[in-house]
Amino acid sequence: MTRKHRVLTAAIAAVAVLGVTGCGEGDDGGKSGGKSGSGSAAKEKNGQGSGQGDTGSSSADRRTPSGVEKLAPGDILAKSAKANTSARTVRVSVPGSVDLTVDKAGNCAGTFTNEGFTNHLIRKGDKVWLKPEDAYWNDPATKAILAKFPDAKGKYMHGTTDKSIALMIASGYCEVGGPKSSAMFSGEGAVLTKGAVTTVEGTKVVPVHMDSKKDGKSTVYVATEGPPYAVKAESGKPKMTLFLSDFGKPFTVPPSPPASDTIDAVKIEELSMNTG
């Protein structure tokens, strides 16, 4: 990796959001998984930072078998997509790397680690604030940034996802639980099969395996009790395991950092890319 690219990537997450998608018939002759359930999610009214949990779901309901494991793999994914996109909030985590909470309005907050540095992230719609830990600024690759912006240390890189590629990539995991997440369940070209019921973190799940020439093999684990949430996903390209939890739990979006605590992310990005 060249120095100019390292400067940029050290400040952002190398995000490859799981393609928990696929349609096609599994070995059991199941139906295609083309339905995503996104229509239901789109019709539900979203509220920014509502902090409200899912309604009408008691602890007993969450333990009630749904029978989803009896369905064809494509139908399991469709029901899972509908359940996940209906949840007002969800926690997205990758062990040792990502810990974010997302709501349906596109708000997201938490931390992720990239190249050994921990970054604090706040996203509100298309606006993102990204703050690397102080140790990041001690890295030799950041000298060019500090030479140009000596007060950058301790500040949030701020901008919008449509103008800053860095912020778009850095906040990529926010899409897993955001308003666009249903698209992750509607890909094409994968052969679907389902496995035997097992457990993930104490939750009974049915695995749906996806085999795609483009994306390789991946697996989504769908809860068989209560709402059929996808609670875990594994991908082969790149190899990664992602967990989804805390569906519908209250989430208060952090306040936007004041302008005095921010620096233009696009300027940092341009400087990083142009530094040899």
C-alpha atoms as a PDB file:
ATOM      1  CA  MET A   1       0.000   0.000   0.000  1.00  0.00           C
ATOM      2  CA  THR A   2       1.389   3.425  -0.914  1.00  0.00           C
ATOM      3  CA  ARG A   3       1.788   6.032   1.757  1.00  0.00           C
ATOM      4  CA  LYS A   4      -0.874   8.266   0.258  1.00  0.00           C
ATOM      5  CA  HIS A   5      -3.454   5.523   0.455  1.00  0.00           C
ATOM      6  CA  ARG A   6      -2.384   4.451   3.931  1.00  0.00           C
ATOM      7  CA  VAL A   7      -3.020   7.927   5.264  1.00  0.00           C
ATOM      8  CA  LEU A   8      -6.601   7.656   4.119  1.00  0.00           C
ATOM      9  CA  THR A   9      -7.331   4.094   5.095  1.00  0.00           C
ATOM     10  CA  ALA A  10      -5.861   4.494   8.561  1.00  0.00           C
ATOM     11  CA  ALA A  11      -8.664   6.947   9.262  1.00  0.00           C
ATOM     12  CA  ILE A  12     -11.553   4.866   7.978  1.00  0.00           C
ATOM     13  CA  ALA A  13     -12.932   1.356   8.210  1.00  0.00           C
ATOM     14  CA  ALA A  14     -12.222  -1.052   5.396  1.00  0.00           C
ATOM     15  CA  VAL A  15     -15.885  -1.869   5.213  1.00  0.00           C
ATOM     16  CA  ALA A  16     -17.324  -4.675   3.136  1.00  0.00           C
ATOM     17  CA  VAL A  17     -20.909  -4.965   4.314  1.00  0.00           C
ATOM     18  CA  LEU A  18     -22.044  -8.555   4.145  1.00  0.00           C
ATOM     19  CA  GLY A  19     -24.019  -9.522   1.097  1.00  0.00           C
ATOM     20  CA  VAL A  20     -26.596 -11.431   3.134  1.00  0.00           C
ATOM     21  CA  THR A  21     -28.482 -11.933  -0.062  1.00  0.00           C
ATOM     22  CA  GLY A  22     -29.336 -14.441  -2.673  1.00  0.00           C
ATOM     23  CA  CYS A  23     -32.078 -16.020  -4.642  1.00  0.00           C
ATOM     24  CA  GLY A  24     -32.272 -19.360  -6.306  1.00  0.00           C
ATOM     25  CA  GLU A  25     -33.456 -22.785  -5.391  1.00  0.00           C
ATOM     26  CA  GLY A  26     -31.757 -24.799  -2.681  1.00  0.00           C
ATOM     27  CA  ASP A  27     -31.159 -28.525  -2.735  1.00  0.00           C
ATOM     28  CA  ASP A  28     -34.494 -29.053  -0.991  1.00  0.00           C
ATOM     29  CA  GLY A  29     -36.357 -27.528  -3.931  1.00  0.00           C
ATOM     30  CA  GLY A  30     -37.299 -24.439  -1.942  1.00  0.00           C
ATOM     31  CA  LYS A  31     -38.712 -21.265  -3.420  1.00  0.00           C
ATOM     32  CA  SER A  32     -36.633 -18.357  -4.548  1.00  0.00           C
ATOM     33  CA  GLY A  33     -35.626 -15.816  -1.918  1.00  0.00           C
ATOM     34  CA  GLY A  34     -36.334 -12.826  -4.120  1.00  0.00           C
ATOM     35  CA  LYS A  35     -38.826 -11.200  -1.746  1.00  0.00           C
ATOM     36  CA  SER A  36     -37.221  -8.869   0.699  1.00  0.00           C
ATOM     37  CA  GLY A  37     -40.125  -7.658   2.781  1.00  0.00           C
ATOM     38  CA  SER A  38     -38.910  -4.098   2.282  1.00  0.00           C
ATOM     39  CA  GLY A  39     -42.343  -2.820   1.381  1.00  0.00           C
ATOM     40  CA  SER A  40     -43.622  -3.379   4.881  1.00  0.00           C
ATOM     41  CA  ALA A  41     -40.609  -1.644   6.366  1.00  0.00           C
ATOM     42  CA  ALA A  42     -40.926   1.300   4.003  1.00  0.00           C
ATOM     43  CA  LYS A  43     -44.528   1.888   4.985  1.00  0.00           C
ATOM     44  CA  GLU A  44     -43.740   2.077   8.678  1.00  0.00           C
ATOM     45  CA  LYS A  45     -43.259   5.619   9.852  1.00  0.00           C
ATOM     46  CA  ASN A  46     -39.704   6.375  10.904  1.00  0.00           C
ATOM     47  CA  GLY A  47     -38.760   8.760  13.667  1.00  0.00           C
ATOM     48  CA  GLN A  48     -35.229  10.071  14.087  1.00  0.00           C
ATOM     49  CA  GLY A  49     -33.719   8.932  17.339  1.00  0.00           C
ATOM     50  CA  SER A  50     -37.099   7.824  18.673  1.00  0.00           C
ATOM     51  CA  GLY A  51     -35.509   5.552  21.244  1.00  0.00           C
ATOM     52  CA  GLN A  52     -38.626   3.377  21.219  1.00  0.00           C
ATOM     53  CA  GLY A  53     -38.437  -0.388  21.354  1.00  0.00           C
ATOM     54  CA  ASP A  54     -40.472  -2.813  19.288  1.00  0.00           C
ATOM     55  CA  THR A  55     -44.085  -2.887  20.381  1.00  0.00           C
ATOM     56  CA  GLY A  56     -46.406  -5.824  20.856  1.00  0.00           C
ATOM     57  CA  SER A  57     -43.604  -8.294  21.589  1.00  0.00           C
ATOM     58  CA  SER A  58     -43.416  -9.619  25.141  1.00  0.00           C
ATOM     59  CA  SER A  59     -40.634 -11.814  26.484  1.00  0.00           C
ATOM     60  CA  ALA A  60     -42.980 -14.782  26.085  1.00  0.00           C
ATOM     61  CA  ASP A  61     -43.576 -13.868  22.437  1.00  0.00           C
ATOM     62  CA  ARG A  62     -39.837 -13.798  21.840  1.00  0.00           C
ATOM     63  CA  ARG A  63     -39.580 -17.386  23.084  1.00  0.00           C
ATOM     64  CA  THR A  64     -42.508 -18.669  21.036  1.00  0.00           C
ATOM     65  CA  PRO A  65     -41.429 -20.954  18.169  1.00  0.00           C
ATOM     66  CA  SER A  66     -42.226 -19.353  14.816  1.00  0.00           C
ATOM     67  CA  GLY A  67     -41.806 -22.426  12.625  1.00  0.00           C
ATOM     68  CA  VAL A  68     -39.635 -20.428  10.229  1.00  0.00           C
ATOM     69  CA  GLU A  69     -37.157 -23.321  10.082  1.00  0.00           C
ATOM     70  CA  LYS A  70     -39.787 -25.383   8.229  1.00  0.00           C
ATOM     71  CA  LEU A  71     -39.855 -22.947   5.305  1.00  0.00           C
ATOM     72  CA  ALA A  72     -37.839 -23.016   2.107  1.00  0.00           C
ATOM     73  CA  PRO A  73     -34.524 -21.106   2.441  1.00  0.00           C
ATOM     74  CA  GLY A  74     -35.647 -18.245   0.206  1.00  0.00           C
ATOM     75  CA  ASP A  75     -38.782 -17.748   2.293  1.00  0.00           C
ATOM     76  CA  ILE A  76     -36.725 -17.794   5.486  1.00  0.00           C
ATOM     77  CA  LEU A  77     -34.591 -14.941   4.143  1.00  0.00           C
ATOM     78  CA  ALA A  78     -37.669 -13.004   3.060  1.00  0.00           C
ATOM     79  CA  LYS A  79     -39.230 -13.252   6.515  1.00  0.00           C
ATOM     80  CA  SER A  80     -35.927 -12.374   8.118  1.00  0.00           C
ATOM     81  CA  ALA A  81     -35.567  -9.292   5.924  1.00  0.00           C
ATOM     82  CA  LYS A  82     -39.033  -8.124   6.934  1.00  0.00           C
ATOM     83  CA  ALA A  83     -38.313  -8.685  10.631  1.00  0.00           C
ATOM     84  CA  ASN A  84     -34.942  -6.952  10.590  1.00  0.00           C
ATOM     85  CA  THR A  85     -36.134  -3.922   8.668  1.00  0.00           C
ATOM     86  CA  SER A  86     -39.145  -3.609  10.967  1.00  0.00           C
ATOM     87  CA  ALA A  87     -36.959  -3.348  14.084  1.00  0.00           C
ATOM     88  CA  ARG A  88     -36.620   0.269  15.193  1.00  0.00           C
ATOM     89  CA  THR A  89     -33.055  -0.267  16.388  1.00  0.00           C
ATOM     90  CA  VAL A  90     -30.346  -2.904  16.131  1.00  0.00           C
ATOM     91  CA  ARG A  91     -26.846  -3.369  17.454  1.00  0.00           C
ATOM     92  CA  VAL A  92     -24.280  -4.305  14.811  1.00  0.00           C
ATOM     93  CA  SER A  93     -21.027  -5.874  15.950  1.00  0.00           C
ATOM     94  CA  VAL A  94     -17.956  -7.571  14.538  1.00  0.00           C
ATOM     95  CA  PRO A  95     -15.853  -9.102  17.344  1.00  0.00           C
ATOM     96  CA  GLY A  96     -12.845  -6.942  18.115  1.00  0.00           C
ATOM     97  CA  SER A  97     -13.677  -4.452  15.392  1.00  0.00           C
ATOM     98  CA  VAL A  98     -17.182  -2.951  15.232  1.00  0.00           C
ATOM     99  CA  ASP A  99     -19.767  -2.001  17.853  1.00  0.00           C
ATOM    100  CA  LEU A 100     -22.500   0.275  16.511  1.00  0.00           C
ATOM    101  CA  THR A 101     -26.164   0.922  17.238  1.00  0.00           C
ATOM    102  CA  VAL A 102     -28.387   1.842  14.303  1.00  0.00           C
ATOM    103  CA  ASP A 103     -31.990   3.014  13.993  1.00  0.00           C
ATOM    104  CA  LYS A 104     -34.443   2.934  11.124  1.00  0.00           C
ATOM    105  CA  ALA A 105     -34.047   6.631  10.411  1.00  0.00           C
ATOM    106  CA  GLY A 106     -30.429   6.131   9.399  1.00  0.00           C
ATOM    107  CA  ASN A 107     -28.882   7.313  12.652  1.00  0.00           C
ATOM    108  CA  CYS A 108     -25.890   5.391  13.946  1.00  0.00           C
ATOM    109  CA  ALA A 109     -23.327   5.704  16.732  1.00  0.00           C
ATOM    110  CA  GLY A 110     -20.531   3.654  18.243  1.00  0.00           C
ATOM    111  CA  THR A 111     -16.956   2.617  17.590  1.00  0.00           C
ATOM    112  CA  PHE A 112     -14.921   0.588  15.136  1.00  0.00           C
ATOM    113  CA  THR A 113     -11.263  -0.360  14.992  1.00  0.00           C
ATOM    114  CA  ASN A 114      -9.181  -0.100  11.844  1.00  0.00           C
ATOM    115  CA  GLU A 115      -5.441  -0.724  11.518  1.00  0.00           C
ATOM    116  CA  GLY A 116      -5.215  -0.828  15.306  1.00  0.00           C
ATOM    117  CA  PHE A 117      -6.878   2.550  15.870  1.00  0.00           C
ATOM    118  CA  THR A 118     -10.273   3.008  17.497  1.00  0.00           C
ATOM    119  CA  ASN A 119     -12.622   5.476  15.826  1.00  0.00           C
ATOM    120  CA  HIS A 120     -15.759   7.066  17.259  1.00  0.00           C
ATOM    121  CA  LEU A 121     -18.562   7.423  14.752  1.00  0.00           C
ATOM    122  CA  ILE A 122     -21.816   9.374  14.677  1.00  0.00           C
ATOM    123  CA  ARG A 123     -24.081   9.310  11.656  1.00  0.00           C
ATOM    124  CA  LYS A 124     -27.340  11.191  11.174  1.00  0.00           C
ATOM    125  CA  GLY A 125     -28.852  10.527   7.782  1.00  0.00           C
ATOM    126  CA  ASP A 126     -26.126  11.428   5.284  1.00  0.00           C
ATOM    127  CA  LYS A 127     -24.089  13.459   7.810  1.00  0.00           C
ATOM    128  CA  VAL A 128     -21.161  11.730   9.490  1.00  0.00           C
ATOM    129  CA  TRP A 129     -18.720  12.650  12.254  1.00  0.00           C
ATOM    130  CA  LEU A 130     -15.616  10.458  12.556  1.00  0.00           C
ATOM    131  CA  LYS A 131     -13.089  10.889  15.387  1.00  0.00           C
ATOM    132  CA  PRO A 132      -9.919   8.752  15.458  1.00  0.00           C
ATOM    133  CA  GLU A 133      -8.302   8.099  18.821  1.00  0.00           C
ATOM    134  CA  ASP A 134      -5.394  10.397  19.717  1.00  0.00           C
ATOM    135  CA  ALA A 135      -2.848   7.629  19.081  1.00  0.00           C
ATOM    136  CA  TYR A 136      -3.738   7.778  15.401  1.00  0.00           C
ATOM    137  CA  TRP A 137      -2.179  11.212  15.148  1.00  0.00           C
ATOM    138  CA  ASN A 138       1.132   9.857  16.437  1.00  0.00           C
ATOM    139  CA  ASP A 139       1.394   7.604  13.395  1.00  0.00           C
ATOM    140  CA  PRO A 140       4.066   8.736  10.890  1.00  0.00           C
ATOM    141  CA  ALA A 141       1.518   8.589   8.078  1.00  0.00           C
ATOM    142  CA  THR A 142      -0.454  11.474   9.603  1.00  0.00           C
ATOM    143  CA  LYS A 143       2.374  14.001   9.637  1.00  0.00           C
ATOM    144  CA  ALA A 144       1.239  15.565   6.356  1.00  0.00           C
ATOM    145  CA  ILE A 145      -2.263  16.082   7.779  1.00  0.00           C
ATOM    146  CA  LEU A 146      -1.020  17.689  10.992  1.00  0.00           C
ATOM    147  CA  ALA A 147       1.375  19.902   9.012  1.00  0.00           C
ATOM    148  CA  LYS A 148      -1.592  21.276   7.068  1.00  0.00           C
ATOM    149  CA  PHE A 149      -4.166  21.075   9.876  1.00  0.00           C
ATOM    150  CA  PRO A 150      -2.251  21.284  13.190  1.00  0.00           C
ATOM    151  CA  ASP A 151      -5.454  21.353  15.241  1.00  0.00           C
ATOM    152  CA  ALA A 152      -6.915  18.189  13.675  1.00  0.00           C
ATOM    153  CA  LYS A 153      -5.982  16.003  16.642  1.00  0.00           C
ATOM    154  CA  GLY A 154      -8.959  15.416  18.898  1.00  0.00           C
ATOM    155  CA  LYS A 155     -11.499  16.628  16.346  1.00  0.00           C
ATOM    156  CA  TYR A 156     -14.174  14.905  14.313  1.00  0.00           C
ATOM    157  CA  MET A 157     -13.792  14.636  10.563  1.00  0.00           C
ATOM    158  CA  HIS A 158     -17.167  15.853   9.366  1.00  0.00           C
ATOM    159  CA  GLY A 159     -19.002  15.742   6.077  1.00  0.00           C
ATOM    160  CA  THR A 160     -21.679  13.960   4.086  1.00  0.00           C
ATOM    161  CA  THR A 161     -21.655  10.523   2.528  1.00  0.00           C
ATOM    162  CA  ASP A 162     -22.357  11.909  -0.938  1.00  0.00           C
ATOM    163  CA  LYS A 163     -19.236  14.088  -0.920  1.00  0.00           C
ATOM    164  CA  SER A 164     -16.790  12.076   1.171  1.00  0.00           C
ATOM    165  CA  ILE A 165     -15.906   8.558   0.082  1.00  0.00           C
ATOM    166  CA  ALA A 166     -14.054   8.072   3.356  1.00  0.00           C
ATOM    167  CA  LEU A 167     -17.108   8.844   5.454  1.00  0.00           C
ATOM    168  CA  MET A 168     -19.359   6.783   3.211  1.00  0.00           C
ATOM    169  CA  ILE A 169     -17.099   3.741   3.680  1.00  0.00           C
ATOM    170  CA  ALA A 170     -16.508   4.398   7.374  1.00  0.00           C
ATOM    171  CA  SER A 171     -20.235   4.425   8.069  1.00  0.00           C
ATOM    172  CA  GLY A 172     -20.967   1.434   5.832  1.00  0.00           C
ATOM    173  CA  TYR A 173     -21.921  -0.811   8.738  1.00  0.00           C
ATOM    174  CA  CYS A 174     -24.687   1.637   9.614  1.00  0.00           C
ATOM    175  CA  GLU A 175     -26.521   0.393   6.530  1.00  0.00           C
ATOM    176  CA  VAL A 176     -26.910  -3.068   8.097  1.00  0.00           C
ATOM    177  CA  GLY A 177     -29.667  -1.809  10.362  1.00  0.00           C
ATOM    178  CA  GLY A 178     -30.671   1.337   8.516  1.00  0.00           C
ATOM    179  CA  PRO A 179     -33.481   2.074   6.075  1.00  0.00           C
ATOM    180  CA  LYS A 180     -31.594   0.523   3.146  1.00  0.00           C
ATOM    181  CA  SER A 181     -30.856  -2.765   4.895  1.00  0.00           C
ATOM    182  CA  SER A 182     -33.602  -4.692   3.109  1.00  0.00           C
ATOM    183  CA  ALA A 183     -31.457  -4.571  -0.038  1.00  0.00           C
ATOM    184  CA  MET A 184     -28.979  -6.855   1.694  1.00  0.00           C
ATOM    185  CA  PHE A 185     -31.553  -9.618   1.531  1.00  0.00           C
ATOM    186  CA  SER A 186     -32.510  -9.216  -2.111  1.00  0.00           C
ATOM    187  CA  GLY A 187     -29.407 -10.125  -4.139  1.00  0.00           C
ATOM    188  CA  GLU A 188     -29.455 -12.484  -7.052  1.00  0.00           C
ATOM    189  CA  GLY A 189     -27.404 -15.381  -8.300  1.00  0.00           C
ATOM    190  CA  ALA A 190     -26.844 -17.425  -5.129  1.00  0.00           C
ATOM    191  CA  VAL A 191     -27.962 -20.989  -4.551  1.00  0.00           C
ATOM    192  CA  LEU A 192     -29.732 -21.293  -1.197  1.00  0.00           C
ATOM    193  CA  THR A 193     -29.786 -24.243   1.178  1.00  0.00           C
ATOM    194  CA  LYS A 194     -30.737 -24.488   4.821  1.00  0.00           C
ATOM    195  CA  GLY A 195     -29.031 -26.346   7.621  1.00  0.00           C
ATOM    196  CA  ALA A 196     -30.183 -27.955  10.854  1.00  0.00           C
ATOM    197  CA  VAL A 197     -31.399 -25.815  13.744  1.00  0.00           C
ATOM    198  CA  THR A 198     -28.539 -24.804  16.044  1.00  0.00           C
ATOM    199  CA  THR A 199     -27.840 -22.003  18.538  1.00  0.00           C
ATOM    200  CA  VAL A 200     -26.083 -18.636  18.371  1.00  0.00           C
ATOM    201  CA  GLU A 201     -25.355 -16.931  21.671  1.00  0.00           C
ATOM    202  CA  GLY A 202     -28.107 -18.990  23.301  1.00  0.00           C
ATOM    203  CA  THR A 203     -30.649 -18.230  20.557  1.00  0.00           C
ATOM    204  CA  LYS A 204     -32.108 -21.054  18.476  1.00  0.00           C
ATOM    205  CA  VAL A 205     -31.466 -20.366  14.802  1.00  0.00           C
ATOM    206  CA  VAL A 206     -31.753 -21.942  11.388  1.00  0.00           C
ATOM    207  CA  PRO A 207     -28.774 -21.324   9.080  1.00  0.00           C
ATOM    208  CA  VAL A 208     -29.365 -20.392   5.451  1.00  0.00           C
ATOM    209  CA  HIS A 209     -26.317 -21.054   3.280  1.00  0.00           C
ATOM    210  CA  MET A 210     -25.722 -19.018   0.139  1.00  0.00           C
ATOM    211  CA  ASP A 211     -23.333 -19.997  -2.614  1.00  0.00           C
ATOM    212  CA  SER A 212     -22.593 -17.324  -5.197  1.00  0.00           C
ATOM    213  CA  LYS A 213     -19.998 -17.347  -7.978  1.00  0.00           C
ATOM    214  CA  LYS A 214     -19.533 -13.632  -7.424  1.00  0.00           C
ATOM    215  CA  ASP A 215     -19.521 -13.396  -3.626  1.00  0.00           C
ATOM    216  CA  GLY A 216     -18.502 -16.891  -2.591  1.00  0.00           C
ATOM    217  CA  LYS A 217     -20.173 -18.748   0.263  1.00  0.00           C
ATOM    218  CA  SER A 218     -21.927 -17.058   3.159  1.00  0.00           C
ATOM    219  CA  THR A 219     -24.425 -17.992   5.843  1.00  0.00           C
ATOM    220  CA  VAL A 220     -27.205 -16.139   7.646  1.00  0.00           C
ATOM    221  CA  TYR A 221     -28.514 -17.458  10.968  1.00  0.00           C
ATOM    222  CA  VAL A 222     -32.206 -16.701  11.531  1.00  0.00           C
ATOM    223  CA  ALA A 223     -33.923 -16.925  14.918  1.00  0.00           C
ATOM    224  CA  THR A 224     -36.572 -19.647  15.117  1.00  0.00           C
ATOM    225  CA  GLU A 225     -38.292 -18.251  18.213  1.00  0.00           C
ATOM    226  CA  GLY A 226     -40.078 -14.921  18.242  1.00  0.00           C
ATOM    227  CA  PRO A 227     -39.490 -12.573  15.300  1.00  0.00           C
ATOM    228  CA  PRO A 228     -37.279 -14.284  12.686  1.00  0.00           C
ATOM    229  CA  TYR A 229     -34.398 -11.855  13.057  1.00  0.00           C
ATOM    230  CA  ALA A 230     -31.101 -12.536  11.335  1.00  0.00           C
ATOM    231  CA  VAL A 231     -28.789 -12.602  14.355  1.00  0.00           C
ATOM    232  CA  LYS A 232     -25.532 -13.645  12.734  1.00  0.00           C
ATOM    233  CA  ALA A 233     -23.992 -13.592   9.273  1.00  0.00           C
ATOM    234  CA  GLU A 234     -20.776 -15.052   7.947  1.00  0.00           C
ATOM    235  CA  SER A 235     -19.143 -14.218   4.644  1.00  0.00           C
ATOM    236  CA  GLY A 236     -16.281 -15.795   2.747  1.00  0.00           C
ATOM    237  CA  LYS A 237     -15.264 -12.843   0.563  1.00  0.00           C
ATOM    238  CA  PRO A 238     -13.942 -11.199   2.669  1.00  0.00           C
ATOM    239  CA  LYS A 239     -13.985 -13.638   5.580  1.00  0.00           C
ATOM    240  CA  MET A 240     -15.983 -11.980   8.327  1.00  0.00           C
ATOM    241  CA  THR A 241     -18.542 -12.690  11.029  1.00  0.00           C
ATOM    242  CA  LEU A 242     -21.158 -10.135  11.966  1.00  0.00           C
ATOM    243  CA  PHE A 243     -23.664 -10.229  14.841  1.00  0.00           C
ATOM    244  CA  LEU A 244     -27.005  -8.423  15.109  1.00  0.00           C
ATOM    245  CA  SER A 245     -28.673  -8.008  18.485  1.00  0.00           C
ATOM    246  CA  ASP A 246     -30.614  -5.690  20.837  1.00  0.00           C
ATOM    247  CA  PHE A 247     -33.472  -5.364  18.368  1.00  0.00           C
ATOM    248  CA  GLY A 248     -35.815  -2.556  19.318  1.00  0.00           C
ATOM    249  CA  LYS A 249     -33.885  -1.476  22.426  1.00  0.00           C
ATOM    250  CA  PRO A 250     -33.915   2.249  23.271  1.00  0.00           C
ATOM    251  CA  PHE A 251     -31.247   4.257  21.509  1.00  0.00           C
ATOM    252  CA  THR A 252     -30.532   7.941  21.996  1.00  0.00           C
ATOM    253  CA  VAL A 253     -28.599   9.482  19.139  1.00  0.00           C
ATOM    254  CA  PRO A 254     -25.624  11.489  20.471  1.00  0.00           C
ATOM    255  CA  PRO A 255     -25.779  15.249  19.885  1.00  0.00           C
ATOM    256  CA  SER A 256     -23.971  16.607  16.859  1.00  0.00           C
ATOM    257  CA  PRO A 257     -20.468  17.789  17.780  1.00  0.00           C
ATOM    258  CA  PRO A 258     -20.126  21.587  17.651  1.00  0.00           C
ATOM    259  CA  ALA A 259     -18.448  23.084  14.600  1.00  0.00           C
ATOM    260  CA  SER A 260     -15.454  24.044  16.741  1.00  0.00           C
ATOM    261  CA  ASP A 261     -14.783  20.333  17.316  1.00  0.00           C
ATOM    262  CA  THR A 262     -14.890  19.351  13.646  1.00  0.00           C
ATOM    263  CA  ILE A 263     -12.685  19.505  10.584  1.00  0.00           C
ATOM    264  CA  ASP A 264     -13.702  19.174   6.943  1.00  0.00           C
ATOM    265  CA  ALA A 265     -13.427  15.490   6.012  1.00  0.00           C
ATOM    266  CA  VAL A 266     -13.182  16.222   2.291  1.00  0.00           C
ATOM    267  CA  LYS A 267     -10.116  18.418   2.815  1.00  0.00           C
ATOM    268  CA  ILE A 268      -8.468  15.671   4.884  1.00  0.00           C
ATOM    269  CA  GLU A 269      -9.377  13.117   2.236  1.00  0.00           C
ATOM    270  CA  GLU A 270      -7.984  15.183  -0.623  1.00  0.00           C
ATOM    271  CA  LEU A 271      -4.757  15.816   1.262  1.00  0.00           C
ATOM    272  CA  SER A 272      -4.393  12.118   2.085  1.00  0.00           C
ATOM    273  CA  MET A 273      -4.869  11.048  -1.528  1.00  0.00           C
ATOM    274  CA  ASN A 274      -2.445  13.638  -2.852  1.00  0.00           C
ATOM    275  CA  THR A 275       0.366  12.916  -0.410  1.00  0.00           C
ATOM    276  CA  GLY A 276       3.118  10.789  -1.891  1.00  0.00           C
END
